[in-house]
């Protein structure tokens, strides 16, 4: 388009009389260009070539710039994920920062969460003590499951509350039935989605994630929403089985290294404050907004 305008401009100034310079100087019945038109023809060829080069430059710049404009307008969090073959039977084949996201344990596995030996194996009592909850704290138990931690934290925040979040209605139903049976008044169940825990913004003092984060199918979206839900002094307690220790008897995709966790949470603006060396098999990593 712009090359054509340049050519028309040159024609109007008299530099070019035709878009086909050979027509006016070439005898259509012969293959030889007549001598008296050689210099005129040569000048017109140069001008025409200049027009074509100018047009080619415009087209080249347009092609070079268009992918950049497209990537800027179509970039989404989905570009953070890659897909391939699962690295093990408990992987999904969806990768985030090189980590194969684990398959989700369904509500049928709730019995394992409530097993009698869990406190001794995992020292869940030490975990809860380490949070040093205040009476008026608002705590979000993400991936609350059967409510194992929800009901152990609720007495510690009598003027606050525990938000029990899960994406499985069956899990929340278990919590609600137990809540009614025990007449607990400061537990609120929230049905989240795979991308959003549905927490109110700037309102949560502690977010507890126990052996749940590694199963998030959309970790970037979930942690972005969680970061937005934190109060100005809010913290995230990320508890994951230590992948650095091969003796921890947990499937590979259900464990995480500290380095991997830091890399992923930094992507949503959270920084590691401390990794408490308290638990026999798990990391207890504390994160805050940067």
C-alpha atoms as a PDB file:
ATOM      1  CA  UNK A   1       0.000   0.000   0.000  1.00  0.00           C
ATOM      2  CA  UNK A   2       2.634   2.540   1.092  1.00  0.00           C
ATOM      3  CA  UNK A   3       5.035   1.432  -1.661  1.00  0.00           C
ATOM      4  CA  UNK A   4       2.263   2.053  -4.211  1.00  0.00           C
ATOM      5  CA  UNK A   5       1.730   5.576  -2.859  1.00  0.00           C
ATOM      6  CA  UNK A   6       5.458   6.283  -3.198  1.00  0.00           C
ATOM      7  CA  UNK A   7       5.375   5.068  -6.777  1.00  0.00           C
ATOM      8  CA  UNK A   8       2.333   7.236  -7.584  1.00  0.00           C
ATOM      9  CA  UNK A   9       4.078  10.230  -5.983  1.00  0.00           C
ATOM     10  CA  UNK A  10       7.133   9.681  -8.201  1.00  0.00           C
ATOM     11  CA  UNK A  11       4.865   9.442 -11.284  1.00  0.00           C
ATOM     12  CA  UNK A  12       3.190  12.746 -10.397  1.00  0.00           C
ATOM     13  CA  UNK A  13       6.594  14.456 -10.133  1.00  0.00           C
ATOM     14  CA  UNK A  14       7.457  13.169 -13.578  1.00  0.00           C
ATOM     15  CA  UNK A  15      10.159  10.738 -12.574  1.00  0.00           C
ATOM     16  CA  UNK A  16       8.100   7.762 -13.695  1.00  0.00           C
ATOM     17  CA  UNK A  17       5.678   7.711 -16.642  1.00  0.00           C
ATOM     18  CA  UNK A  18       4.570   4.141 -16.291  1.00  0.00           C
ATOM     19  CA  UNK A  19       4.448   1.390 -13.713  1.00  0.00           C
ATOM     20  CA  UNK A  20       6.070  -0.774 -16.415  1.00  0.00           C
ATOM     21  CA  UNK A  21       9.105   1.240 -17.666  1.00  0.00           C
ATOM     22  CA  UNK A  22      10.064  -1.287 -20.282  1.00  0.00           C
ATOM     23  CA  UNK A  23       6.804  -0.800 -22.192  1.00  0.00           C
ATOM     24  CA  UNK A  24       7.560   2.715 -23.356  1.00  0.00           C
ATOM     25  CA  UNK A  25      11.077   1.980 -24.514  1.00  0.00           C
ATOM     26  CA  UNK A  26      10.933  -1.500 -25.872  1.00  0.00           C
ATOM     27  CA  UNK A  27       9.843  -2.387 -29.408  1.00  0.00           C
ATOM     28  CA  UNK A  28       7.237  -5.085 -28.800  1.00  0.00           C
ATOM     29  CA  UNK A  29       8.232  -6.723 -32.088  1.00  0.00           C
ATOM     30  CA  UNK A  30      11.925  -6.939 -31.192  1.00  0.00           C
ATOM     31  CA  UNK A  31      14.019  -8.196 -28.205  1.00  0.00           C
ATOM     32  CA  UNK A  32      16.415  -5.210 -28.376  1.00  0.00           C
ATOM     33  CA  UNK A  33      15.982  -1.981 -26.376  1.00  0.00           C
ATOM     34  CA  UNK A  34      16.417   1.019 -28.633  1.00  0.00           C
ATOM     35  CA  UNK A  35      19.676   3.019 -27.926  1.00  0.00           C
ATOM     36  CA  UNK A  36      18.104   6.461 -27.599  1.00  0.00           C
ATOM     37  CA  UNK A  37      15.950   5.261 -24.685  1.00  0.00           C
ATOM     38  CA  UNK A  38      18.674   3.426 -22.794  1.00  0.00           C
ATOM     39  CA  UNK A  39      19.573   6.198 -20.347  1.00  0.00           C
ATOM     40  CA  UNK A  40      15.929   7.073 -19.729  1.00  0.00           C
ATOM     41  CA  UNK A  41      15.105   3.406 -19.244  1.00  0.00           C
ATOM     42  CA  UNK A  42      18.065   2.947 -16.864  1.00  0.00           C
ATOM     43  CA  UNK A  43      16.942   5.885 -14.691  1.00  0.00           C
ATOM     44  CA  UNK A  44      13.380   4.624 -14.580  1.00  0.00           C
ATOM     45  CA  UNK A  45      14.549   1.155 -13.603  1.00  0.00           C
ATOM     46  CA  UNK A  46      16.513   2.584 -10.681  1.00  0.00           C
ATOM     47  CA  UNK A  47      13.556   4.599  -9.482  1.00  0.00           C
ATOM     48  CA  UNK A  48      11.201   1.644  -9.818  1.00  0.00           C
ATOM     49  CA  UNK A  49      13.634  -0.579  -7.910  1.00  0.00           C
ATOM     50  CA  UNK A  50      13.847   2.045  -5.185  1.00  0.00           C
ATOM     51  CA  UNK A  51      10.056   1.941  -4.892  1.00  0.00           C
ATOM     52  CA  UNK A  52      10.049  -1.835  -4.652  1.00  0.00           C
ATOM     53  CA  UNK A  53      12.828  -1.830  -2.031  1.00  0.00           C
ATOM     54  CA  UNK A  54      10.980   0.812  -0.008  1.00  0.00           C
ATOM     55  CA  UNK A  55       7.795  -1.264  -0.146  1.00  0.00           C
ATOM     56  CA  UNK A  56       9.664  -4.435   0.840  1.00  0.00           C
ATOM     57  CA  UNK A  57      11.144  -2.606   3.849  1.00  0.00           C
ATOM     58  CA  UNK A  58       7.677  -1.564   5.019  1.00  0.00           C
ATOM     59  CA  UNK A  59       6.357  -5.101   4.658  1.00  0.00           C
ATOM     60  CA  UNK A  60       9.371  -6.551   6.478  1.00  0.00           C
ATOM     61  CA  UNK A  61       8.929  -4.165   9.412  1.00  0.00           C
ATOM     62  CA  UNK A  62       5.227  -4.963   9.599  1.00  0.00           C
ATOM     63  CA  UNK A  63       5.895  -8.701   9.680  1.00  0.00           C
ATOM     64  CA  UNK A  64       8.639  -8.298  12.279  1.00  0.00           C
ATOM     65  CA  UNK A  65       6.469  -6.225  14.579  1.00  0.00           C
ATOM     66  CA  UNK A  66       3.182  -8.102  14.298  1.00  0.00           C
ATOM     67  CA  UNK A  67       4.220 -11.182  16.341  1.00  0.00           C
ATOM     68  CA  UNK A  68       5.366  -8.892  19.174  1.00  0.00           C
ATOM     69  CA  UNK A  69       2.054  -7.071  19.229  1.00  0.00           C
ATOM     70  CA  UNK A  70       0.212 -10.382  19.164  1.00  0.00           C
ATOM     71  CA  UNK A  71       2.198 -11.910  22.016  1.00  0.00           C
ATOM     72  CA  UNK A  72       1.652  -8.814  24.136  1.00  0.00           C
ATOM     73  CA  UNK A  73      -2.099  -8.969  23.725  1.00  0.00           C
ATOM     74  CA  UNK A  74      -2.638 -12.718  23.881  1.00  0.00           C
ATOM     75  CA  UNK A  75      -0.191 -13.630  26.680  1.00  0.00           C
ATOM     76  CA  UNK A  76      -1.977 -15.513  29.473  1.00  0.00           C
ATOM     77  CA  UNK A  77      -0.962 -17.622  32.449  1.00  0.00           C
ATOM     78  CA  UNK A  78      -1.527 -20.704  30.252  1.00  0.00           C
ATOM     79  CA  UNK A  79       1.807 -19.928  28.593  1.00  0.00           C
ATOM     80  CA  UNK A  80       3.476 -20.848  31.899  1.00  0.00           C
ATOM     81  CA  UNK A  81       2.394 -24.460  31.505  1.00  0.00           C
ATOM     82  CA  UNK A  82       3.758 -27.130  29.194  1.00  0.00           C
ATOM     83  CA  UNK A  83       2.389 -30.554  28.416  1.00  0.00           C
ATOM     84  CA  UNK A  84       3.966 -33.941  27.820  1.00  0.00           C
ATOM     85  CA  UNK A  85       4.078 -37.504  29.053  1.00  0.00           C
ATOM     86  CA  UNK A  86       3.680 -37.929  32.833  1.00  0.00           C
ATOM     87  CA  UNK A  87       7.006 -38.571  34.548  1.00  0.00           C
ATOM     88  CA  UNK A  88       5.424 -41.221  36.769  1.00  0.00           C
ATOM     89  CA  UNK A  89       2.112 -42.948  37.407  1.00  0.00           C
ATOM     90  CA  UNK A  90       1.048 -40.214  39.825  1.00  0.00           C
ATOM     91  CA  UNK A  91       1.837 -37.338  37.451  1.00  0.00           C
ATOM     92  CA  UNK A  92      -0.560 -35.576  35.083  1.00  0.00           C
ATOM     93  CA  UNK A  93       1.758 -34.584  32.221  1.00  0.00           C
ATOM     94  CA  UNK A  94       1.047 -30.905  32.863  1.00  0.00           C
ATOM     95  CA  UNK A  95       4.249 -29.119  33.855  1.00  0.00           C
ATOM     96  CA  UNK A  96       4.810 -25.894  35.795  1.00  0.00           C
ATOM     97  CA  UNK A  97       8.377 -24.606  36.039  1.00  0.00           C
ATOM     98  CA  UNK A  98       9.495 -28.105  35.073  1.00  0.00           C
ATOM     99  CA  UNK A  99       7.425 -29.866  37.759  1.00  0.00           C
ATOM    100  CA  UNK A 100       4.962 -32.569  36.744  1.00  0.00           C
ATOM    101  CA  UNK A 101       1.750 -31.604  38.582  1.00  0.00           C
ATOM    102  CA  UNK A 102       0.463 -34.482  40.703  1.00  0.00           C
ATOM    103  CA  UNK A 103      -2.872 -36.188  40.426  1.00  0.00           C
ATOM    104  CA  UNK A 104      -5.507 -35.196  42.996  1.00  0.00           C
ATOM    105  CA  UNK A 105      -6.451 -37.425  45.890  1.00  0.00           C
ATOM    106  CA  UNK A 106     -10.260 -37.652  45.877  1.00  0.00           C
ATOM    107  CA  UNK A 107     -12.688 -37.581  48.777  1.00  0.00           C
ATOM    108  CA  UNK A 108     -12.500 -41.373  48.998  1.00  0.00           C
ATOM    109  CA  UNK A 109      -9.055 -40.907  50.509  1.00  0.00           C
ATOM    110  CA  UNK A 110     -10.409 -38.896  53.456  1.00  0.00           C
ATOM    111  CA  UNK A 111      -9.809 -41.824  55.805  1.00  0.00           C
ATOM    112  CA  UNK A 112      -6.060 -41.532  55.236  1.00  0.00           C
ATOM    113  CA  UNK A 113      -6.217 -37.864  56.292  1.00  0.00           C
ATOM    114  CA  UNK A 114      -7.895 -38.800  59.551  1.00  0.00           C
ATOM    115  CA  UNK A 115      -5.703 -41.805  60.410  1.00  0.00           C
ATOM    116  CA  UNK A 116      -4.921 -42.102  64.125  1.00  0.00           C
ATOM    117  CA  UNK A 117      -1.146 -42.214  63.680  1.00  0.00           C
ATOM    118  CA  UNK A 118      -0.989 -39.005  61.622  1.00  0.00           C
ATOM    119  CA  UNK A 119      -0.069 -36.707  64.507  1.00  0.00           C
ATOM    120  CA  UNK A 120       2.803 -38.930  65.533  1.00  0.00           C
ATOM    121  CA  UNK A 121       4.046 -39.445  61.968  1.00  0.00           C
ATOM    122  CA  UNK A 122       3.796 -35.828  60.853  1.00  0.00           C
ATOM    123  CA  UNK A 123       3.851 -34.001  64.204  1.00  0.00           C
ATOM    124  CA  UNK A 124       0.872 -31.922  63.211  1.00  0.00           C
ATOM    125  CA  UNK A 125       0.820 -30.529  66.751  1.00  0.00           C
ATOM    126  CA  UNK A 126       4.193 -28.884  66.164  1.00  0.00           C
ATOM    127  CA  UNK A 127       2.982 -27.511  62.851  1.00  0.00           C
ATOM    128  CA  UNK A 128      -0.019 -25.766  64.417  1.00  0.00           C
ATOM    129  CA  UNK A 129       2.036 -24.450  67.345  1.00  0.00           C
ATOM    130  CA  UNK A 130       4.562 -22.970  64.905  1.00  0.00           C
ATOM    131  CA  UNK A 131       1.889 -20.724  63.388  1.00  0.00           C
ATOM    132  CA  UNK A 132       1.430 -18.924  66.731  1.00  0.00           C
ATOM    133  CA  UNK A 133      -2.154 -18.041  65.868  1.00  0.00           C
ATOM    134  CA  UNK A 134      -3.728 -15.019  67.542  1.00  0.00           C
ATOM    135  CA  UNK A 135      -7.283 -15.214  68.960  1.00  0.00           C
ATOM    136  CA  UNK A 136      -8.696 -12.888  66.286  1.00  0.00           C
ATOM    137  CA  UNK A 137      -6.817 -14.306  63.289  1.00  0.00           C
ATOM    138  CA  UNK A 138      -8.593 -15.265  60.085  1.00  0.00           C
ATOM    139  CA  UNK A 139      -7.082 -18.517  58.820  1.00  0.00           C
ATOM    140  CA  UNK A 140      -7.729 -20.112  55.421  1.00  0.00           C
ATOM    141  CA  UNK A 141      -7.273 -23.884  55.294  1.00  0.00           C
ATOM    142  CA  UNK A 142      -6.826 -24.466  51.560  1.00  0.00           C
ATOM    143  CA  UNK A 143      -7.542 -27.999  50.449  1.00  0.00           C
ATOM    144  CA  UNK A 144      -9.160 -28.532  53.825  1.00  0.00           C
ATOM    145  CA  UNK A 145     -10.214 -32.048  52.937  1.00  0.00           C
ATOM    146  CA  UNK A 146     -11.950 -33.722  55.876  1.00  0.00           C
ATOM    147  CA  UNK A 147     -11.135 -30.772  58.152  1.00  0.00           C
ATOM    148  CA  UNK A 148      -8.243 -32.331  60.056  1.00  0.00           C
ATOM    149  CA  UNK A 149      -6.486 -28.976  60.539  1.00  0.00           C
ATOM    150  CA  UNK A 150      -9.644 -26.863  60.401  1.00  0.00           C
ATOM    151  CA  UNK A 151     -10.993 -28.309  63.645  1.00  0.00           C
ATOM    152  CA  UNK A 152      -7.623 -28.156  65.366  1.00  0.00           C
ATOM    153  CA  UNK A 153      -7.198 -24.472  64.565  1.00  0.00           C
ATOM    154  CA  UNK A 154     -10.725 -23.210  65.281  1.00  0.00           C
ATOM    155  CA  UNK A 155     -10.347 -23.265  69.120  1.00  0.00           C
ATOM    156  CA  UNK A 156      -7.179 -21.142  68.755  1.00  0.00           C
ATOM    157  CA  UNK A 157      -9.029 -18.283  67.001  1.00  0.00           C
ATOM    158  CA  UNK A 158     -12.174 -17.820  69.115  1.00  0.00           C
ATOM    159  CA  UNK A 159     -12.644 -14.194  67.988  1.00  0.00           C
ATOM    160  CA  UNK A 160     -11.524 -15.011  64.460  1.00  0.00           C
ATOM    161  CA  UNK A 161     -12.517 -17.789  62.094  1.00  0.00           C
ATOM    162  CA  UNK A 162     -11.263 -20.605  59.914  1.00  0.00           C
ATOM    163  CA  UNK A 163     -12.162 -20.590  56.231  1.00  0.00           C
ATOM    164  CA  UNK A 164     -12.241 -24.212  55.096  1.00  0.00           C
ATOM    165  CA  UNK A 165     -11.718 -24.205  51.322  1.00  0.00           C
ATOM    166  CA  UNK A 166     -11.958 -27.194  49.019  1.00  0.00           C
ATOM    167  CA  UNK A 167     -13.023 -27.882  45.435  1.00  0.00           C
ATOM    168  CA  UNK A 168     -14.799 -31.126  46.357  1.00  0.00           C
ATOM    169  CA  UNK A 169     -18.326 -30.670  47.782  1.00  0.00           C
ATOM    170  CA  UNK A 170     -18.080 -34.079  49.442  1.00  0.00           C
ATOM    171  CA  UNK A 171     -15.166 -32.881  51.575  1.00  0.00           C
ATOM    172  CA  UNK A 172     -17.002 -29.734  52.620  1.00  0.00           C
ATOM    173  CA  UNK A 173     -20.060 -31.778  53.511  1.00  0.00           C
ATOM    174  CA  UNK A 174     -17.938 -33.830  55.927  1.00  0.00           C
ATOM    175  CA  UNK A 175     -16.739 -30.609  57.571  1.00  0.00           C
ATOM    176  CA  UNK A 176     -20.228 -29.165  57.839  1.00  0.00           C
ATOM    177  CA  UNK A 177     -21.620 -32.346  59.399  1.00  0.00           C
ATOM    178  CA  UNK A 178     -18.794 -32.411  61.954  1.00  0.00           C
ATOM    179  CA  UNK A 179     -19.239 -28.679  62.577  1.00  0.00           C
ATOM    180  CA  UNK A 180     -22.898 -29.173  63.452  1.00  0.00           C
ATOM    181  CA  UNK A 181     -22.179 -32.213  65.595  1.00  0.00           C
ATOM    182  CA  UNK A 182     -19.481 -30.404  67.592  1.00  0.00           C
ATOM    183  CA  UNK A 183     -21.428 -27.103  67.584  1.00  0.00           C
ATOM    184  CA  UNK A 184     -18.471 -25.109  66.247  1.00  0.00           C
ATOM    185  CA  UNK A 185     -19.378 -21.535  65.368  1.00  0.00           C
ATOM    186  CA  UNK A 186     -16.264 -20.075  63.751  1.00  0.00           C
ATOM    187  CA  UNK A 187     -15.796 -22.307  60.719  1.00  0.00           C
ATOM    188  CA  UNK A 188     -16.918 -21.178  57.277  1.00  0.00           C
ATOM    189  CA  UNK A 189     -16.827 -23.586  54.346  1.00  0.00           C
ATOM    190  CA  UNK A 190     -16.028 -22.246  50.883  1.00  0.00           C
ATOM    191  CA  UNK A 191     -16.384 -24.166  47.638  1.00  0.00           C
ATOM    192  CA  UNK A 192     -13.503 -22.965  45.517  1.00  0.00           C
ATOM    193  CA  UNK A 193     -12.547 -23.724  41.930  1.00  0.00           C
ATOM    194  CA  UNK A 194      -9.358 -25.069  40.380  1.00  0.00           C
ATOM    195  CA  UNK A 195      -8.317 -21.464  39.679  1.00  0.00           C
ATOM    196  CA  UNK A 196      -9.786 -19.475  42.576  1.00  0.00           C
ATOM    197  CA  UNK A 197     -10.198 -20.263  46.301  1.00  0.00           C
ATOM    198  CA  UNK A 198     -12.893 -17.569  46.531  1.00  0.00           C
ATOM    199  CA  UNK A 199     -11.250 -15.784  49.453  1.00  0.00           C
ATOM    200  CA  UNK A 200     -12.029 -12.138  50.250  1.00  0.00           C
ATOM    201  CA  UNK A 201      -9.163  -9.840  49.299  1.00  0.00           C
ATOM    202  CA  UNK A 202      -6.757  -8.354  51.866  1.00  0.00           C
ATOM    203  CA  UNK A 203      -8.447 -10.198  54.734  1.00  0.00           C
ATOM    204  CA  UNK A 204      -6.573 -13.390  55.634  1.00  0.00           C
ATOM    205  CA  UNK A 205      -3.864 -13.517  58.309  1.00  0.00           C
ATOM    206  CA  UNK A 206      -2.724 -17.080  57.626  1.00  0.00           C
ATOM    207  CA  UNK A 207      -3.137 -19.379  54.657  1.00  0.00           C
ATOM    208  CA  UNK A 208      -2.373 -23.017  55.429  1.00  0.00           C
ATOM    209  CA  UNK A 209      -1.565 -25.401  52.588  1.00  0.00           C
ATOM    210  CA  UNK A 210      -0.811 -28.904  53.827  1.00  0.00           C
ATOM    211  CA  UNK A 211       0.126 -31.427  51.132  1.00  0.00           C
ATOM    212  CA  UNK A 212      -2.274 -29.718  48.737  1.00  0.00           C
ATOM    213  CA  UNK A 213      -0.333 -27.236  46.611  1.00  0.00           C
ATOM    214  CA  UNK A 214       1.481 -29.871  44.533  1.00  0.00           C
ATOM    215  CA  UNK A 215      -1.924 -31.099  43.300  1.00  0.00           C
ATOM    216  CA  UNK A 216      -3.165 -27.704  42.082  1.00  0.00           C
ATOM    217  CA  UNK A 217      -3.904 -28.010  38.373  1.00  0.00           C
ATOM    218  CA  UNK A 218      -3.572 -24.205  38.055  1.00  0.00           C
ATOM    219  CA  UNK A 219      -0.963 -23.246  40.656  1.00  0.00           C
ATOM    220  CA  UNK A 220      -0.238 -19.823  39.161  1.00  0.00           C
ATOM    221  CA  UNK A 221      -3.882 -18.747  39.222  1.00  0.00           C
ATOM    222  CA  UNK A 222      -4.535 -20.211  42.668  1.00  0.00           C
ATOM    223  CA  UNK A 223      -1.491 -18.668  44.312  1.00  0.00           C
ATOM    224  CA  UNK A 224      -2.119 -15.313  42.640  1.00  0.00           C
ATOM    225  CA  UNK A 225      -5.595 -15.266  44.202  1.00  0.00           C
ATOM    226  CA  UNK A 226      -4.203 -16.391  47.554  1.00  0.00           C
ATOM    227  CA  UNK A 227      -1.585 -13.635  47.497  1.00  0.00           C
ATOM    228  CA  UNK A 228      -4.342 -11.085  46.883  1.00  0.00           C
ATOM    229  CA  UNK A 229      -6.323 -12.476  49.841  1.00  0.00           C
ATOM    230  CA  UNK A 230      -3.498 -11.896  52.328  1.00  0.00           C
ATOM    231  CA  UNK A 231      -3.769  -9.043  54.797  1.00  0.00           C
ATOM    232  CA  UNK A 232      -0.823  -6.592  54.839  1.00  0.00           C
ATOM    233  CA  UNK A 233       0.923  -8.814  57.406  1.00  0.00           C
ATOM    234  CA  UNK A 234      -0.554 -12.089  56.147  1.00  0.00           C
ATOM    235  CA  UNK A 235       1.541 -15.215  55.669  1.00  0.00           C
ATOM    236  CA  UNK A 236       1.351 -18.475  53.757  1.00  0.00           C
ATOM    237  CA  UNK A 237       2.397 -21.703  55.453  1.00  0.00           C
ATOM    238  CA  UNK A 238       3.296 -24.173  52.716  1.00  0.00           C
ATOM    239  CA  UNK A 239       3.720 -27.736  53.979  1.00  0.00           C
ATOM    240  CA  UNK A 240       5.050 -30.319  51.532  1.00  0.00           C
ATOM    241  CA  UNK A 241       6.863 -33.628  51.905  1.00  0.00           C
ATOM    242  CA  UNK A 242      10.593 -33.161  51.355  1.00  0.00           C
ATOM    243  CA  UNK A 243      11.630 -34.298  47.894  1.00  0.00           C
ATOM    244  CA  UNK A 244      15.268 -33.829  48.923  1.00  0.00           C
ATOM    245  CA  UNK A 245      14.940 -36.869  51.201  1.00  0.00           C
ATOM    246  CA  UNK A 246      14.582 -40.170  49.301  1.00  0.00           C
ATOM    247  CA  UNK A 247      13.671 -41.915  52.565  1.00  0.00           C
ATOM    248  CA  UNK A 248      10.352 -40.045  52.861  1.00  0.00           C
ATOM    249  CA  UNK A 249       7.886 -42.822  51.874  1.00  0.00           C
ATOM    250  CA  UNK A 250       5.681 -40.708  49.587  1.00  0.00           C
ATOM    251  CA  UNK A 251       5.175 -40.948  45.827  1.00  0.00           C
ATOM    252  CA  UNK A 252       7.610 -38.704  43.923  1.00  0.00           C
ATOM    253  CA  UNK A 253       5.060 -36.296  42.446  1.00  0.00           C
ATOM    254  CA  UNK A 254       3.562 -35.712  45.921  1.00  0.00           C
ATOM    255  CA  UNK A 255       6.807 -34.261  47.260  1.00  0.00           C
ATOM    256  CA  UNK A 256       8.541 -30.923  46.606  1.00  0.00           C
ATOM    257  CA  UNK A 257      11.963 -29.389  47.110  1.00  0.00           C
ATOM    258  CA  UNK A 258      12.374 -26.036  48.795  1.00  0.00           C
ATOM    259  CA  UNK A 259      14.030 -24.658  45.655  1.00  0.00           C
ATOM    260  CA  UNK A 260      11.057 -25.652  43.499  1.00  0.00           C
ATOM    261  CA  UNK A 261       8.560 -24.131  45.924  1.00  0.00           C
ATOM    262  CA  UNK A 262      10.494 -20.869  46.102  1.00  0.00           C
ATOM    263  CA  UNK A 263      10.698 -20.644  42.311  1.00  0.00           C
ATOM    264  CA  UNK A 264       6.960 -21.148  41.875  1.00  0.00           C
ATOM    265  CA  UNK A 265       5.755 -18.850  44.649  1.00  0.00           C
ATOM    266  CA  UNK A 266       8.111 -16.065  43.655  1.00  0.00           C
ATOM    267  CA  UNK A 267       6.267 -16.048  40.313  1.00  0.00           C
ATOM    268  CA  UNK A 268       3.199 -14.647  42.117  1.00  0.00           C
ATOM    269  CA  UNK A 269       5.060 -12.160  44.301  1.00  0.00           C
ATOM    270  CA  UNK A 270       5.621 -14.267  47.424  1.00  0.00           C
ATOM    271  CA  UNK A 271       9.013 -14.584  49.081  1.00  0.00           C
ATOM    272  CA  UNK A 272      10.316 -17.210  51.484  1.00  0.00           C
ATOM    273  CA  UNK A 273      10.708 -15.837  55.006  1.00  0.00           C
ATOM    274  CA  UNK A 274      11.659 -19.054  56.780  1.00  0.00           C
ATOM    275  CA  UNK A 275      11.703 -22.815  56.362  1.00  0.00           C
ATOM    276  CA  UNK A 276      11.082 -24.145  59.861  1.00  0.00           C
ATOM    277  CA  UNK A 277      13.021 -27.337  60.499  1.00  0.00           C
ATOM    278  CA  UNK A 278      10.466 -28.886  62.846  1.00  0.00           C
ATOM    279  CA  UNK A 279       8.655 -31.686  61.099  1.00  0.00           C
ATOM    280  CA  UNK A 280      10.021 -35.202  60.597  1.00  0.00           C
ATOM    281  CA  UNK A 281       9.106 -35.557  56.913  1.00  0.00           C
ATOM    282  CA  UNK A 282       7.818 -32.221  55.623  1.00  0.00           C
ATOM    283  CA  UNK A 283       8.939 -28.708  54.836  1.00  0.00           C
ATOM    284  CA  UNK A 284       7.173 -25.950  56.772  1.00  0.00           C
ATOM    285  CA  UNK A 285       7.856 -22.939  54.540  1.00  0.00           C
ATOM    286  CA  UNK A 286       6.596 -19.489  55.484  1.00  0.00           C
ATOM    287  CA  UNK A 287       5.996 -17.001  52.670  1.00  0.00           C
ATOM    288  CA  UNK A 288       4.948 -13.352  52.601  1.00  0.00           C
ATOM    289  CA  UNK A 289       4.294 -10.754  49.939  1.00  0.00           C
ATOM    290  CA  UNK A 290       7.425  -9.124  48.590  1.00  0.00           C
END
